Amino acid sequence: MKMDPFSMIPSSQEAPEDVFPIGSRYRGLAILRGRDAADRDVVYVGRRWIPSPEAFADVGRYQLRDGDRIDNIAADLIGDPGLYWRIADANAAIDPGELTRRPGRWLRITMAAGIPGPQSV
């Protein structure tokens, strides 16, 4: 039987480092506990604030083609399809799917928030 990783969370609301993998947009967020209307224990992830677009340093741009998928773009340009959310954050998209709805649109490809990009010469 597979163990639920959330069952290991102490009541102090601190998540063990391995609850979310490195690269997850949820890593480092608080794991919270509450009670629902039926008085059942509910475990949930604390709020994630999306950084301002100015927090991202551009390293390139990508022009969307018909049929593009955000996970495939992340795999090709960042090296990990699971990092699609970094492209969404850098382009101020709450719904990552909205990024690929308009072929021809240019997407910002950036460093992670807060990491400075290449210096211009």
PDB file of N, CA and C in Angstrom:
ATOM      1  N   MET A   1       0.839  -1.176   0.000  1.00  0.00           N
ATOM      2  CA  MET A   1       0.000   0.000   0.000  1.00  0.00           C
ATOM      3  C   MET A   1       0.888   1.245   0.000  1.00  0.00           C
ATOM      4  N   LYS A   2       0.566   2.201  -0.886  1.00  0.00           N
ATOM      5  CA  LYS A   2       1.332   3.442  -1.005  1.00  0.00           C
ATOM      6  C   LYS A   2       0.935   4.407   0.109  1.00  0.00           C
ATOM      7  N   MET A   3       1.947   4.999   0.763  1.00  0.00           N
ATOM      8  CA  MET A   3       1.672   5.926   1.854  1.00  0.00           C
ATOM      9  C   MET A   3       1.350   7.310   1.302  1.00  0.00           C
ATOM     10  N   ASP A   4       0.387   7.948   1.905  1.00  0.00           N
ATOM     11  CA  ASP A   4       0.034   9.322   1.562  1.00  0.00           C
ATOM     12  C   ASP A   4       1.103  10.247   2.130  1.00  0.00           C
ATOM     13  N   PRO A   5       1.831  11.018   1.265  1.00  0.00           N
ATOM     14  CA  PRO A   5       2.897  11.870   1.794  1.00  0.00           C
ATOM     15  C   PRO A   5       2.386  12.935   2.746  1.00  0.00           C
ATOM     16  N   PHE A   6       1.124  13.330   2.635  1.00  0.00           N
ATOM     17  CA  PHE A   6       0.583  14.357   3.506  1.00  0.00           C
ATOM     18  C   PHE A   6       0.335  13.835   4.919  1.00  0.00           C
ATOM     19  N   SER A   7       0.263  12.508   5.089  1.00  0.00           N
ATOM     20  CA  SER A   7       0.043  11.965   6.427  1.00  0.00           C
ATOM     21  C   SER A   7       1.242  12.199   7.329  1.00  0.00           C
ATOM     22  N   MET A   8       2.378  12.540   6.754  1.00  0.00           N
ATOM     23  CA  MET A   8       3.596  12.768   7.521  1.00  0.00           C
ATOM     24  C   MET A   8       3.750  14.223   7.951  1.00  0.00           C
ATOM     25  N   ILE A   9       2.812  15.072   7.603  1.00  0.00           N
ATOM     26  CA  ILE A   9       2.944  16.499   7.895  1.00  0.00           C
ATOM     27  C   ILE A   9       2.559  16.756   9.350  1.00  0.00           C
ATOM     28  N   PRO A  10       3.471  17.348  10.107  1.00  0.00           N
ATOM     29  CA  PRO A  10       3.155  17.653  11.503  1.00  0.00           C
ATOM     30  C   PRO A  10       2.134  18.783  11.594  1.00  0.00           C
ATOM     31  N   SER A  11       1.550  18.939  12.739  1.00  0.00           N
ATOM     32  CA  SER A  11       0.541  19.978  12.915  1.00  0.00           C
ATOM     33  C   SER A  11       1.140  21.383  12.856  1.00  0.00           C
ATOM     34  N   SER A  12       2.469  21.492  12.840  1.00  0.00           N
ATOM     35  CA  SER A  12       3.109  22.799  12.771  1.00  0.00           C
ATOM     36  C   SER A  12       2.970  23.438  11.392  1.00  0.00           C
ATOM     37  N   GLN A  13       2.387  22.756  10.452  1.00  0.00           N
ATOM     38  CA  GLN A  13       2.130  23.235   9.103  1.00  0.00           C
ATOM     39  C   GLN A  13       3.384  23.326   8.248  1.00  0.00           C
ATOM     40  N   GLU A  14       4.461  22.705   8.651  1.00  0.00           N
ATOM     41  CA  GLU A  14       5.662  22.695   7.824  1.00  0.00           C
ATOM     42  C   GLU A  14       5.689  21.408   7.026  1.00  0.00           C
ATOM     43  N   ALA A  15       5.862  21.546   5.719  1.00  0.00           N
ATOM     44  CA  ALA A  15       5.881  20.380   4.844  1.00  0.00           C
ATOM     45  C   ALA A  15       7.279  19.779   4.802  1.00  0.00           C
ATOM     46  N   PRO A  16       7.379  18.462   4.838  1.00  0.00           N
ATOM     47  CA  PRO A  16       8.684  17.850   4.611  1.00  0.00           C
ATOM     48  C   PRO A  16       9.182  18.250   3.222  1.00  0.00           C
ATOM     49  N   GLU A  17      10.473  18.401   3.071  1.00  0.00           N
ATOM     50  CA  GLU A  17      11.050  18.854   1.803  1.00  0.00           C
ATOM     51  C   GLU A  17      10.653  17.982   0.616  1.00  0.00           C
ATOM     52  N   ASP A  18      10.361  16.709   0.835  1.00  0.00           N
ATOM     53  CA  ASP A  18      10.101  15.819  -0.296  1.00  0.00           C
ATOM     54  C   ASP A  18       8.624  15.690  -0.662  1.00  0.00           C
ATOM     55  N   VAL A  19       7.748  16.499  -0.077  1.00  0.00           N
ATOM     56  CA  VAL A  19       6.332  16.432  -0.458  1.00  0.00           C
ATOM     57  C   VAL A  19       6.171  16.848  -1.908  1.00  0.00           C
ATOM     58  N   PHE A  20       6.842  17.915  -2.316  1.00  0.00           N
ATOM     59  CA  PHE A  20       6.808  18.369  -3.697  1.00  0.00           C
ATOM     60  C   PHE A  20       8.222  18.303  -4.259  1.00  0.00           C
ATOM     61  N   PRO A  21       8.379  17.809  -5.457  1.00  0.00           N
ATOM     62  CA  PRO A  21       9.733  17.662  -6.028  1.00  0.00           C
ATOM     63  C   PRO A  21      10.392  19.003  -6.334  1.00  0.00           C
ATOM     64  N   ILE A  22      11.702  18.981  -6.432  1.00  0.00           N
ATOM     65  CA  ILE A  22      12.437  20.169  -6.860  1.00  0.00           C
ATOM     66  C   ILE A  22      11.881  20.564  -8.223  1.00  0.00           C
ATOM     67  N   GLY A  23      11.648  21.835  -8.414  1.00  0.00           N
ATOM     68  CA  GLY A  23      11.080  22.312  -9.675  1.00  0.00           C
ATOM     69  C   GLY A  23       9.579  22.501  -9.611  1.00  0.00           C
ATOM     70  N   SER A  24       8.930  21.969  -8.579  1.00  0.00           N
ATOM     71  CA  SER A  24       7.490  22.139  -8.453  1.00  0.00           C
ATOM     72  C   SER A  24       7.164  23.571  -8.050  1.00  0.00           C
ATOM     73  N   ARG A  25       6.108  24.112  -8.613  1.00  0.00           N
ATOM     74  CA  ARG A  25       5.696  25.468  -8.235  1.00  0.00           C
ATOM     75  C   ARG A  25       5.171  25.513  -6.807  1.00  0.00           C
ATOM     76  N   TYR A  26       4.910  24.355  -6.210  1.00  0.00           N
ATOM     77  CA  TYR A  26       4.382  24.297  -4.846  1.00  0.00           C
ATOM     78  C   TYR A  26       5.448  24.032  -3.788  1.00  0.00           C
ATOM     79  N   ARG A  27       6.674  23.722  -4.220  1.00  0.00           N
ATOM     80  CA  ARG A  27       7.739  23.425  -3.260  1.00  0.00           C
ATOM     81  C   ARG A  27       7.998  24.651  -2.381  1.00  0.00           C
ATOM     82  N   GLY A  28       8.063  24.409  -1.106  1.00  0.00           N
ATOM     83  CA  GLY A  28       8.334  25.484  -0.165  1.00  0.00           C
ATOM     84  C   GLY A  28       7.093  26.180   0.363  1.00  0.00           C
ATOM     85  N   LEU A  29       5.926  25.867  -0.189  1.00  0.00           N
ATOM     86  CA  LEU A  29       4.698  26.474   0.327  1.00  0.00           C
ATOM     87  C   LEU A  29       4.235  25.724   1.567  1.00  0.00           C
ATOM     88  N   ALA A  30       3.534  26.409   2.416  1.00  0.00           N
ATOM     89  CA  ALA A  30       3.008  25.795   3.632  1.00  0.00           C
ATOM     90  C   ALA A  30       1.939  24.771   3.281  1.00  0.00           C
ATOM     91  N   ILE A  31       1.930  23.688   4.028  1.00  0.00           N
ATOM     92  CA  ILE A  31       0.850  22.707   3.952  1.00  0.00           C
ATOM     93  C   ILE A  31      -0.040  22.988   5.153  1.00  0.00           C
ATOM     94  N   LEU A  32      -1.306  23.227   4.897  1.00  0.00           N
ATOM     95  CA  LEU A  32      -2.228  23.632   5.941  1.00  0.00           C
ATOM     96  C   LEU A  32      -3.257  22.548   6.208  1.00  0.00           C
ATOM     97  N   ARG A  33      -3.777  22.552   7.375  1.00  0.00           N
ATOM     98  CA  ARG A  33      -4.834  21.618   7.757  1.00  0.00           C
ATOM     99  C   ARG A  33      -6.045  22.418   8.209  1.00  0.00           C
ATOM    100  N   GLY A  34      -7.199  21.878   7.884  1.00  0.00           N
ATOM    101  CA  GLY A  34      -8.443  22.504   8.317  1.00  0.00           C
ATOM    102  C   GLY A  34      -9.510  21.441   8.460  1.00  0.00           C
ATOM    103  N   ARG A  35     -10.722  21.868   8.759  1.00  0.00           N
ATOM    104  CA  ARG A  35     -11.859  20.959   8.891  1.00  0.00           C
ATOM    105  C   ARG A  35     -12.918  21.407   7.890  1.00  0.00           C
ATOM    106  N   ASP A  36     -13.546  20.436   7.231  1.00  0.00           N
ATOM    107  CA  ASP A  36     -14.623  20.788   6.308  1.00  0.00           C
ATOM    108  C   ASP A  36     -15.964  20.792   7.048  1.00  0.00           C
ATOM    109  N   ALA A  37     -17.042  21.017   6.308  1.00  0.00           N
ATOM    110  CA  ALA A  37     -18.369  21.113   6.916  1.00  0.00           C
ATOM    111  C   ALA A  37     -18.798  19.823   7.605  1.00  0.00           C
ATOM    112  N   ALA A  38     -18.233  18.686   7.163  1.00  0.00           N
ATOM    113  CA  ALA A  38     -18.556  17.393   7.778  1.00  0.00           C
ATOM    114  C   ALA A  38     -17.563  17.050   8.894  1.00  0.00           C
ATOM    115  N   ASP A  39     -16.763  18.027   9.306  1.00  0.00           N
ATOM    116  CA  ASP A  39     -15.771  17.874  10.368  1.00  0.00           C
ATOM    117  C   ASP A  39     -14.681  16.856  10.022  1.00  0.00           C
ATOM    118  N   ARG A  40     -14.359  16.764   8.719  1.00  0.00           N
ATOM    119  CA  ARG A  40     -13.255  15.901   8.276  1.00  0.00           C
ATOM    120  C   ARG A  40     -11.992  16.733   8.161  1.00  0.00           C
ATOM    121  N   ASP A  41     -10.856  16.096   8.426  1.00  0.00           N
ATOM    122  CA  ASP A  41      -9.561  16.749   8.284  1.00  0.00           C
ATOM    123  C   ASP A  41      -9.300  16.979   6.799  1.00  0.00           C
ATOM    124  N   VAL A  42      -8.929  18.202   6.445  1.00  0.00           N
ATOM    125  CA  VAL A  42      -8.627  18.559   5.066  1.00  0.00           C
ATOM    126  C   VAL A  42      -7.205  19.118   5.041  1.00  0.00           C
ATOM    127  N   VAL A  43      -6.379  18.592   4.130  1.00  0.00           N
ATOM    128  CA  VAL A  43      -5.014  19.075   3.966  1.00  0.00           C
ATOM    129  C   VAL A  43      -4.955  19.812   2.631  1.00  0.00           C
ATOM    130  N   TYR A  44      -4.349  21.005   2.641  1.00  0.00           N
ATOM    131  CA  TYR A  44      -4.271  21.778   1.406  1.00  0.00           C
ATOM    132  C   TYR A  44      -2.992  22.597   1.391  1.00  0.00           C
ATOM    133  N   VAL A  45      -2.640  23.057   0.205  1.00  0.00           N
ATOM    134  CA  VAL A  45      -1.425  23.849   0.012  1.00  0.00           C
ATOM    135  C   VAL A  45      -1.770  25.319   0.186  1.00  0.00           C
ATOM    136  N   GLY A  46      -0.888  26.026   0.892  1.00  0.00           N
ATOM    137  CA  GLY A  46      -1.075  27.458   1.088  1.00  0.00           C
ATOM    138  C   GLY A  46      -1.022  28.217  -0.227  1.00  0.00           C
ATOM    139  N   ARG A  47      -1.442  29.447  -0.181  1.00  0.00           N
ATOM    140  CA  ARG A  47      -1.515  30.283  -1.382  1.00  0.00           C
ATOM    141  C   ARG A  47      -0.143  30.513  -1.991  1.00  0.00           C
ATOM    142  N   ARG A  48      -0.094  30.457  -3.304  1.00  0.00           N
ATOM    143  CA  ARG A  48       1.119  30.762  -4.067  1.00  0.00           C
ATOM    144  C   ARG A  48       0.906  32.088  -4.771  1.00  0.00           C
ATOM    145  N   TRP A  49       1.779  33.041  -4.500  1.00  0.00           N
ATOM    146  CA  TRP A  49       1.699  34.342  -5.152  1.00  0.00           C
ATOM    147  C   TRP A  49       2.550  34.312  -6.405  1.00  0.00           C
ATOM    148  N   ILE A  50       1.977  34.680  -7.533  1.00  0.00           N
ATOM    149  CA  ILE A  50       2.712  34.706  -8.797  1.00  0.00           C
ATOM    150  C   ILE A  50       3.552  35.976  -8.832  1.00  0.00           C
ATOM    151  N   PRO A  51       4.851  35.824  -9.088  1.00  0.00           N
ATOM    152  CA  PRO A  51       5.711  37.015  -9.129  1.00  0.00           C
ATOM    153  C   PRO A  51       5.296  37.966 -10.252  1.00  0.00           C
ATOM    154  N   SER A  52       5.617  39.226 -10.064  1.00  0.00           N
ATOM    155  CA  SER A  52       5.382  40.241 -11.081  1.00  0.00           C
ATOM    156  C   SER A  52       6.231  39.922 -12.314  1.00  0.00           C
ATOM    157  N   PRO A  53       5.747  40.198 -13.529  1.00  0.00           N
ATOM    158  CA  PRO A  53       6.547  39.937 -14.733  1.00  0.00           C
ATOM    159  C   PRO A  53       7.926  40.595 -14.706  1.00  0.00           C
ATOM    160  N   GLU A  54       8.064  41.691 -13.975  1.00  0.00           N
ATOM    161  CA  GLU A  54       9.362  42.366 -13.877  1.00  0.00           C
ATOM    162  C   GLU A  54      10.392  41.536 -13.102  1.00  0.00           C
ATOM    163  N   ALA A  55       9.958  40.526 -12.373  1.00  0.00           N
ATOM    164  CA  ALA A  55      10.870  39.679 -11.593  1.00  0.00           C
ATOM    165  C   ALA A  55      11.610  38.670 -12.468  1.00  0.00           C
ATOM    166  N   PHE A  56      11.267  38.619 -13.754  1.00  0.00           N
ATOM    167  CA  PHE A  56      11.845  37.629 -14.660  1.00  0.00           C
ATOM    168  C   PHE A  56      12.797  38.288 -15.656  1.00  0.00           C
ATOM    169  N   ALA A  57      13.970  37.691 -15.826  1.00  0.00           N
ATOM    170  CA  ALA A  57      14.952  38.175 -16.805  1.00  0.00           C
ATOM    171  C   ALA A  57      14.799  37.356 -18.086  1.00  0.00           C
ATOM    172  N   ASP A  58      14.575  38.045 -19.195  1.00  0.00           N
ATOM    173  CA  ASP A  58      14.412  37.373 -20.489  1.00  0.00           C
ATOM    174  C   ASP A  58      15.708  36.706 -20.944  1.00  0.00           C
ATOM    175  N   VAL A  59      15.560  35.504 -21.502  1.00  0.00           N
ATOM    176  CA  VAL A  59      16.684  34.834 -22.161  1.00  0.00           C
ATOM    177  C   VAL A  59      16.338  34.511 -23.612  1.00  0.00           C
ATOM    178  N   GLY A  60      15.078  34.724 -23.963  1.00  0.00           N
ATOM    179  CA  GLY A  60      14.664  34.480 -25.339  1.00  0.00           C
ATOM    180  C   GLY A  60      13.177  34.683 -25.502  1.00  0.00           C
ATOM    181  N   ARG A  61      12.736  34.475 -26.733  1.00  0.00           N
ATOM    182  CA  ARG A  61      11.322  34.569 -27.071  1.00  0.00           C
ATOM    183  C   ARG A  61      10.980  33.399 -27.977  1.00  0.00           C
ATOM    184  N   TYR A  62       9.715  33.007 -27.946  1.00  0.00           N
ATOM    185  CA  TYR A  62       9.254  31.899 -28.770  1.00  0.00           C
ATOM    186  C   TYR A  62       7.946  32.304 -29.425  1.00  0.00           C
ATOM    187  N   GLN A  63       7.874  32.120 -30.756  1.00  0.00           N
ATOM    188  CA  GLN A  63       6.636  32.429 -31.469  1.00  0.00           C
ATOM    189  C   GLN A  63       5.821  31.155 -31.610  1.00  0.00           C
ATOM    190  N   LEU A  64       4.594  31.216 -31.132  1.00  0.00           N
ATOM    191  CA  LEU A  64       3.713  30.043 -31.150  1.00  0.00           C
ATOM    192  C   LEU A  64       3.330  29.634 -32.566  1.00  0.00           C
ATOM    193  N   ARG A  65       3.287  28.327 -32.748  1.00  0.00           N
ATOM    194  CA  ARG A  65       2.800  27.743 -33.994  1.00  0.00           C
ATOM    195  C   ARG A  65       1.518  26.994 -33.696  1.00  0.00           C
ATOM    196  N   ASP A  66       0.711  26.788 -34.712  1.00  0.00           N
ATOM    197  CA  ASP A  66      -0.533  26.052 -34.557  1.00  0.00           C
ATOM    198  C   ASP A  66      -0.221  24.659 -34.007  1.00  0.00           C
ATOM    199  N   GLY A  67      -0.934  24.248 -32.983  1.00  0.00           N
ATOM    200  CA  GLY A  67      -0.755  22.923 -32.400  1.00  0.00           C
ATOM    201  C   GLY A  67       0.277  22.862 -31.283  1.00  0.00           C
ATOM    202  N   ASP A  68       0.963  23.973 -30.989  1.00  0.00           N
ATOM    203  CA  ASP A  68       1.931  23.976 -29.888  1.00  0.00           C
ATOM    204  C   ASP A  68       1.232  23.676 -28.567  1.00  0.00           C
ATOM    205  N   ARG A  69       1.957  22.988 -27.690  1.00  0.00           N
ATOM    206  CA  ARG A  69       1.502  22.736 -26.320  1.00  0.00           C
ATOM    207  C   ARG A  69       2.535  23.314 -25.369  1.00  0.00           C
ATOM    208  N   ILE A  70       2.058  23.906 -24.286  1.00  0.00           N
ATOM    209  CA  ILE A  70       2.951  24.586 -23.356  1.00  0.00           C
ATOM    210  C   ILE A  70       3.948  23.619 -22.713  1.00  0.00           C
ATOM    211  N   ASP A  71       3.542  22.377 -22.457  1.00  0.00           N
ATOM    212  CA  ASP A  71       4.478  21.422 -21.861  1.00  0.00           C
ATOM    213  C   ASP A  71       5.580  21.048 -22.841  1.00  0.00           C
ATOM    214  N   ASN A  72       5.248  20.944 -24.123  1.00  0.00           N
ATOM    215  CA  ASN A  72       6.272  20.636 -25.130  1.00  0.00           C
ATOM    216  C   ASN A  72       7.234  21.812 -25.321  1.00  0.00           C
ATOM    217  N   ILE A  73       6.703  23.025 -25.249  1.00  0.00           N
ATOM    218  CA  ILE A  73       7.563  24.205 -25.355  1.00  0.00           C
ATOM    219  C   ILE A  73       8.536  24.223 -24.175  1.00  0.00           C
ATOM    220  N   ALA A  74       8.034  23.952 -22.971  1.00  0.00           N
ATOM    221  CA  ALA A  74       8.899  23.916 -21.789  1.00  0.00           C
ATOM    222  C   ALA A  74       9.955  22.824 -21.921  1.00  0.00           C
ATOM    223  N   ALA A  75       9.574  21.672 -22.433  1.00  0.00           N
ATOM    224  CA  ALA A  75      10.548  20.583 -22.609  1.00  0.00           C
ATOM    225  C   ALA A  75      11.642  20.993 -23.581  1.00  0.00           C
ATOM    226  N   ASP A  76      11.261  21.612 -24.697  1.00  0.00           N
ATOM    227  CA  ASP A  76      12.239  22.006 -25.716  1.00  0.00           C
ATOM    228  C   ASP A  76      13.136  23.156 -25.272  1.00  0.00           C
ATOM    229  N   LEU A  77      12.563  24.147 -24.581  1.00  0.00           N
ATOM    230  CA  LEU A  77      13.313  25.368 -24.285  1.00  0.00           C
ATOM    231  C   LEU A  77      13.903  25.434 -22.873  1.00  0.00           C
ATOM    232  N   ILE A  78      13.306  24.720 -21.935  1.00  0.00           N
ATOM    233  CA  ILE A  78      13.803  24.735 -20.558  1.00  0.00           C
ATOM    234  C   ILE A  78      14.405  23.381 -20.182  1.00  0.00           C
ATOM    235  N   GLY A  79      13.960  22.334 -20.880  1.00  0.00           N
ATOM    236  CA  GLY A  79      14.505  21.006 -20.609  1.00  0.00           C
ATOM    237  C   GLY A  79      13.644  20.138 -19.721  1.00  0.00           C
ATOM    238  N   ASP A  80      12.458  20.626 -19.335  1.00  0.00           N
ATOM    239  CA  ASP A  80      11.580  19.863 -18.449  1.00  0.00           C
ATOM    240  C   ASP A  80      10.137  20.272 -18.717  1.00  0.00           C
ATOM    241  N   PRO A  81       9.291  19.340 -19.189  1.00  0.00           N
ATOM    242  CA  PRO A  81       7.896  19.707 -19.467  1.00  0.00           C
ATOM    243  C   PRO A  81       7.148  20.140 -18.214  1.00  0.00           C
ATOM    244  N   GLY A  82       7.570  19.677 -17.052  1.00  0.00           N
ATOM    245  CA  GLY A  82       6.925  20.038 -15.806  1.00  0.00           C
ATOM    246  C   GLY A  82       7.148  21.482 -15.395  1.00  0.00           C
ATOM    247  N   LEU A  83       8.059  22.171 -16.080  1.00  0.00           N
ATOM    248  CA  LEU A  83       8.326  23.579 -15.769  1.00  0.00           C
ATOM    249  C   LEU A  83       7.518  24.536 -16.638  1.00  0.00           C
ATOM    250  N   TYR A  84       6.456  24.029 -17.260  1.00  0.00           N
ATOM    251  CA  TYR A  84       5.578  24.866 -18.082  1.00  0.00           C
ATOM    252  C   TYR A  84       5.087  26.073 -17.291  1.00  0.00           C
ATOM    253  N   TRP A  85       4.920  25.909 -16.007  1.00  0.00           N
ATOM    254  CA  TRP A  85       4.395  26.981 -15.162  1.00  0.00           C
ATOM    255  C   TRP A  85       5.333  28.184 -15.107  1.00  0.00           C
ATOM    256  N   ARG A  86       6.632  27.962 -15.331  1.00  0.00           N
ATOM    257  CA  ARG A  86       7.559  29.101 -15.357  1.00  0.00           C
ATOM    258  C   ARG A  86       7.279  29.999 -16.553  1.00  0.00           C
ATOM    259  N   ILE A  87       6.920  29.386 -17.683  1.00  0.00           N
ATOM    260  CA  ILE A  87       6.563  30.172 -18.868  1.00  0.00           C
ATOM    261  C   ILE A  87       5.255  30.912 -18.607  1.00  0.00           C
ATOM    262  N   ALA A  88       4.309  30.238 -17.968  1.00  0.00           N
ATOM    263  CA  ALA A  88       3.037  30.886 -17.640  1.00  0.00           C
ATOM    264  C   ALA A  88       3.257  32.073 -16.710  1.00  0.00           C
ATOM    265  N   ASP A  89       4.066  31.885 -15.669  1.00  0.00           N
ATOM    266  CA  ASP A  89       4.333  32.985 -14.738  1.00  0.00           C
ATOM    267  C   ASP A  89       4.976  34.170 -15.451  1.00  0.00           C
ATOM    268  N   ALA A  90       5.976  33.910 -16.271  1.00  0.00           N
ATOM    269  CA  ALA A  90       6.706  34.981 -16.958  1.00  0.00           C
ATOM    270  C   ALA A  90       5.825  35.743 -17.939  1.00  0.00           C
ATOM    271  N   ASN A  91       4.753  35.107 -18.401  1.00  0.00           N
ATOM    272  CA  ASN A  91       3.846  35.741 -19.359  1.00  0.00           C
ATOM    273  C   ASN A  91       2.523  36.140 -18.716  1.00  0.00           C
ATOM    274  N   ALA A  92       2.522  36.209 -17.375  1.00  0.00           N
ATOM    275  CA  ALA A  92       1.362  36.653 -16.602  1.00  0.00           C
ATOM    276  C   ALA A  92       0.081  35.902 -16.953  1.00  0.00           C
ATOM    277  N   ALA A  93       0.198  34.584 -17.103  1.00  0.00           N
ATOM    278  CA  ALA A  93      -0.960  33.760 -17.438  1.00  0.00           C
ATOM    279  C   ALA A  93      -1.357  32.912 -16.235  1.00  0.00           C
ATOM    280  N   ILE A  94      -2.551  33.085 -15.746  1.00  0.00           N
ATOM    281  CA  ILE A  94      -3.042  32.248 -14.654  1.00  0.00           C
ATOM    282  C   ILE A  94      -3.399  30.869 -15.192  1.00  0.00           C
ATOM    283  N   ASP A  95      -3.972  30.813 -16.393  1.00  0.00           N
ATOM    284  CA  ASP A  95      -4.310  29.556 -17.058  1.00  0.00           C
ATOM    285  C   ASP A  95      -3.247  29.281 -18.114  1.00  0.00           C
ATOM    286  N   PRO A  96      -2.344  28.304 -17.887  1.00  0.00           N
ATOM    287  CA  PRO A  96      -1.287  28.038 -18.864  1.00  0.00           C
ATOM    288  C   PRO A  96      -1.823  27.710 -20.259  1.00  0.00           C
ATOM    289  N   GLY A  97      -3.016  27.139 -20.341  1.00  0.00           N
ATOM    290  CA  GLY A  97      -3.599  26.807 -21.634  1.00  0.00           C
ATOM    291  C   GLY A  97      -3.883  28.022 -22.499  1.00  0.00           C
ATOM    292  N   GLU A  98      -4.108  29.174 -21.862  1.00  0.00           N
ATOM    293  CA  GLU A  98      -4.392  30.385 -22.638  1.00  0.00           C
ATOM    294  C   GLU A  98      -3.185  30.823 -23.459  1.00  0.00           C
ATOM    295  N   LEU A  99      -2.000  30.407 -23.065  1.00  0.00           N
ATOM    296  CA  LEU A  99      -0.787  30.834 -23.772  1.00  0.00           C
ATOM    297  C   LEU A  99      -0.692  30.291 -25.189  1.00  0.00           C
ATOM    298  N   THR A 100      -1.295  29.160 -25.453  1.00  0.00           N
ATOM    299  CA  THR A 100      -1.149  28.532 -26.773  1.00  0.00           C
ATOM    300  C   THR A 100      -2.389  28.677 -27.649  1.00  0.00           C
ATOM    301  N   ARG A 101      -3.314  29.506 -27.270  1.00  0.00           N
ATOM    302  CA  ARG A 101      -4.554  29.653 -28.048  1.00  0.00           C
ATOM    303  C   ARG A 101      -4.415  30.521 -29.288  1.00  0.00           C
ATOM    304  N   ARG A 102      -3.361  31.332 -29.361  1.00  0.00           N
ATOM    305  CA  ARG A 102      -3.205  32.260 -30.493  1.00  0.00           C
ATOM    306  C   ARG A 102      -1.884  32.008 -31.207  1.00  0.00           C
ATOM    307  N   PRO A 103      -1.890  31.167 -32.258  1.00  0.00           N
ATOM    308  CA  PRO A 103      -0.653  31.003 -33.023  1.00  0.00           C
ATOM    309  C   PRO A 103      -0.149  32.367 -33.492  1.00  0.00           C
ATOM    310  N   GLY A 104       1.164  32.527 -33.485  1.00  0.00           N
ATOM    311  CA  GLY A 104       1.772  33.795 -33.868  1.00  0.00           C
ATOM    312  C   GLY A 104       2.156  34.643 -32.672  1.00  0.00           C
ATOM    313  N   ARG A 105       1.565  34.359 -31.518  1.00  0.00           N
ATOM    314  CA  ARG A 105       1.882  35.106 -30.298  1.00  0.00           C
ATOM    315  C   ARG A 105       3.325  34.822 -29.882  1.00  0.00           C
ATOM    316  N   TRP A 106       3.982  35.824 -29.352  1.00  0.00           N
ATOM    317  CA  TRP A 106       5.338  35.675 -28.832  1.00  0.00           C
ATOM    318  C   TRP A 106       5.277  35.455 -27.331  1.00  0.00           C
ATOM    319  N   LEU A 107       5.988  34.449 -26.863  1.00  0.00           N
ATOM    320  CA  LEU A 107       6.097  34.164 -25.433  1.00  0.00           C
ATOM    321  C   LEU A 107       7.480  34.556 -24.930  1.00  0.00           C
ATOM    322  N   ARG A 108       7.526  35.100 -23.744  1.00  0.00           N
ATOM    323  CA  ARG A 108       8.801  35.369 -23.085  1.00  0.00           C
ATOM    324  C   ARG A 108       9.327  34.052 -22.510  1.00  0.00           C
ATOM    325  N   ILE A 109      10.583  33.789 -22.734  1.00  0.00           N
ATOM    326  CA  ILE A 109      11.272  32.667 -22.101  1.00  0.00           C
ATOM    327  C   ILE A 109      12.281  33.317 -21.161  1.00  0.00           C
ATOM    328  N   THR A 110      12.213  32.941 -19.894  1.00  0.00           N
ATOM    329  CA  THR A 110      12.977  33.688 -18.887  1.00  0.00           C
ATOM    330  C   THR A 110      13.734  32.758 -17.947  1.00  0.00           C
ATOM    331  N   MET A 111      14.580  33.393 -17.158  1.00  0.00           N
ATOM    332  CA  MET A 111      15.195  32.729 -16.026  1.00  0.00           C
ATOM    333  C   MET A 111      14.092  32.580 -14.967  1.00  0.00           C
ATOM    334  N   ALA A 112      14.346  31.771 -13.948  1.00  0.00           N
ATOM    335  CA  ALA A 112      13.391  31.674 -12.838  1.00  0.00           C
ATOM    336  C   ALA A 112      13.281  33.042 -12.170  1.00  0.00           C
ATOM    337  N   ALA A 113      12.175  33.315 -11.534  1.00  0.00           N
ATOM    338  CA  ALA A 113      11.952  34.601 -10.889  1.00  0.00           C
ATOM    339  C   ALA A 113      13.088  34.935  -9.935  1.00  0.00           C
ATOM    340  N   GLY A 114      13.581  36.168 -10.051  1.00  0.00           N
ATOM    341  CA  GLY A 114      14.616  36.640  -9.161  1.00  0.00           C
ATOM    342  C   GLY A 114      16.045  36.317  -9.573  1.00  0.00           C
ATOM    343  N   ILE A 115      16.219  35.491 -10.606  1.00  0.00           N
ATOM    344  CA  ILE A 115      17.572  35.162 -11.083  1.00  0.00           C
ATOM    345  C   ILE A 115      17.899  36.094 -12.227  1.00  0.00           C
ATOM    346  N   PRO A 116      19.005  36.843 -12.119  1.00  0.00           N
ATOM    347  CA  PRO A 116      19.340  37.784 -13.193  1.00  0.00           C
ATOM    348  C   PRO A 116      19.694  37.051 -14.480  1.00  0.00           C
ATOM    349  N   GLY A 117      19.336  37.648 -15.585  1.00  0.00           N
ATOM    350  CA  GLY A 117      19.624  37.068 -16.891  1.00  0.00           C
ATOM    351  C   GLY A 117      20.989  37.449 -17.403  1.00  0.00           C
ATOM    352  N   PRO A 118      21.259  37.077 -18.640  1.00  0.00           N
ATOM    353  CA  PRO A 118      22.549  37.422 -19.243  1.00  0.00           C
ATOM    354  C   PRO A 118      22.730  38.941 -19.310  1.00  0.00           C
ATOM    355  N   GLN A 119      23.924  39.384 -19.089  1.00  0.00           N
ATOM    356  CA  GLN A 119      24.235  40.816 -19.154  1.00  0.00           C
ATOM    357  C   GLN A 119      24.422  41.225 -20.601  1.00  0.00           C
ATOM    358  N   SER A 120      23.859  42.367 -20.969  1.00  0.00           N
ATOM    359  CA  SER A 120      24.063  42.855 -22.327  1.00  0.00           C
ATOM    360  C   SER A 120      25.446  43.477 -22.445  1.00  0.00           C
ATOM    361  N   VAL A 121      26.061  43.363 -23.619  1.00  0.00           N
ATOM    362  CA  VAL A 121      27.428  43.844 -23.821  1.00  0.00           C
ATOM    363  C   VAL A 121      27.422  45.250 -24.345  1.00  0.00           C
TER     364      VAL A 121
END
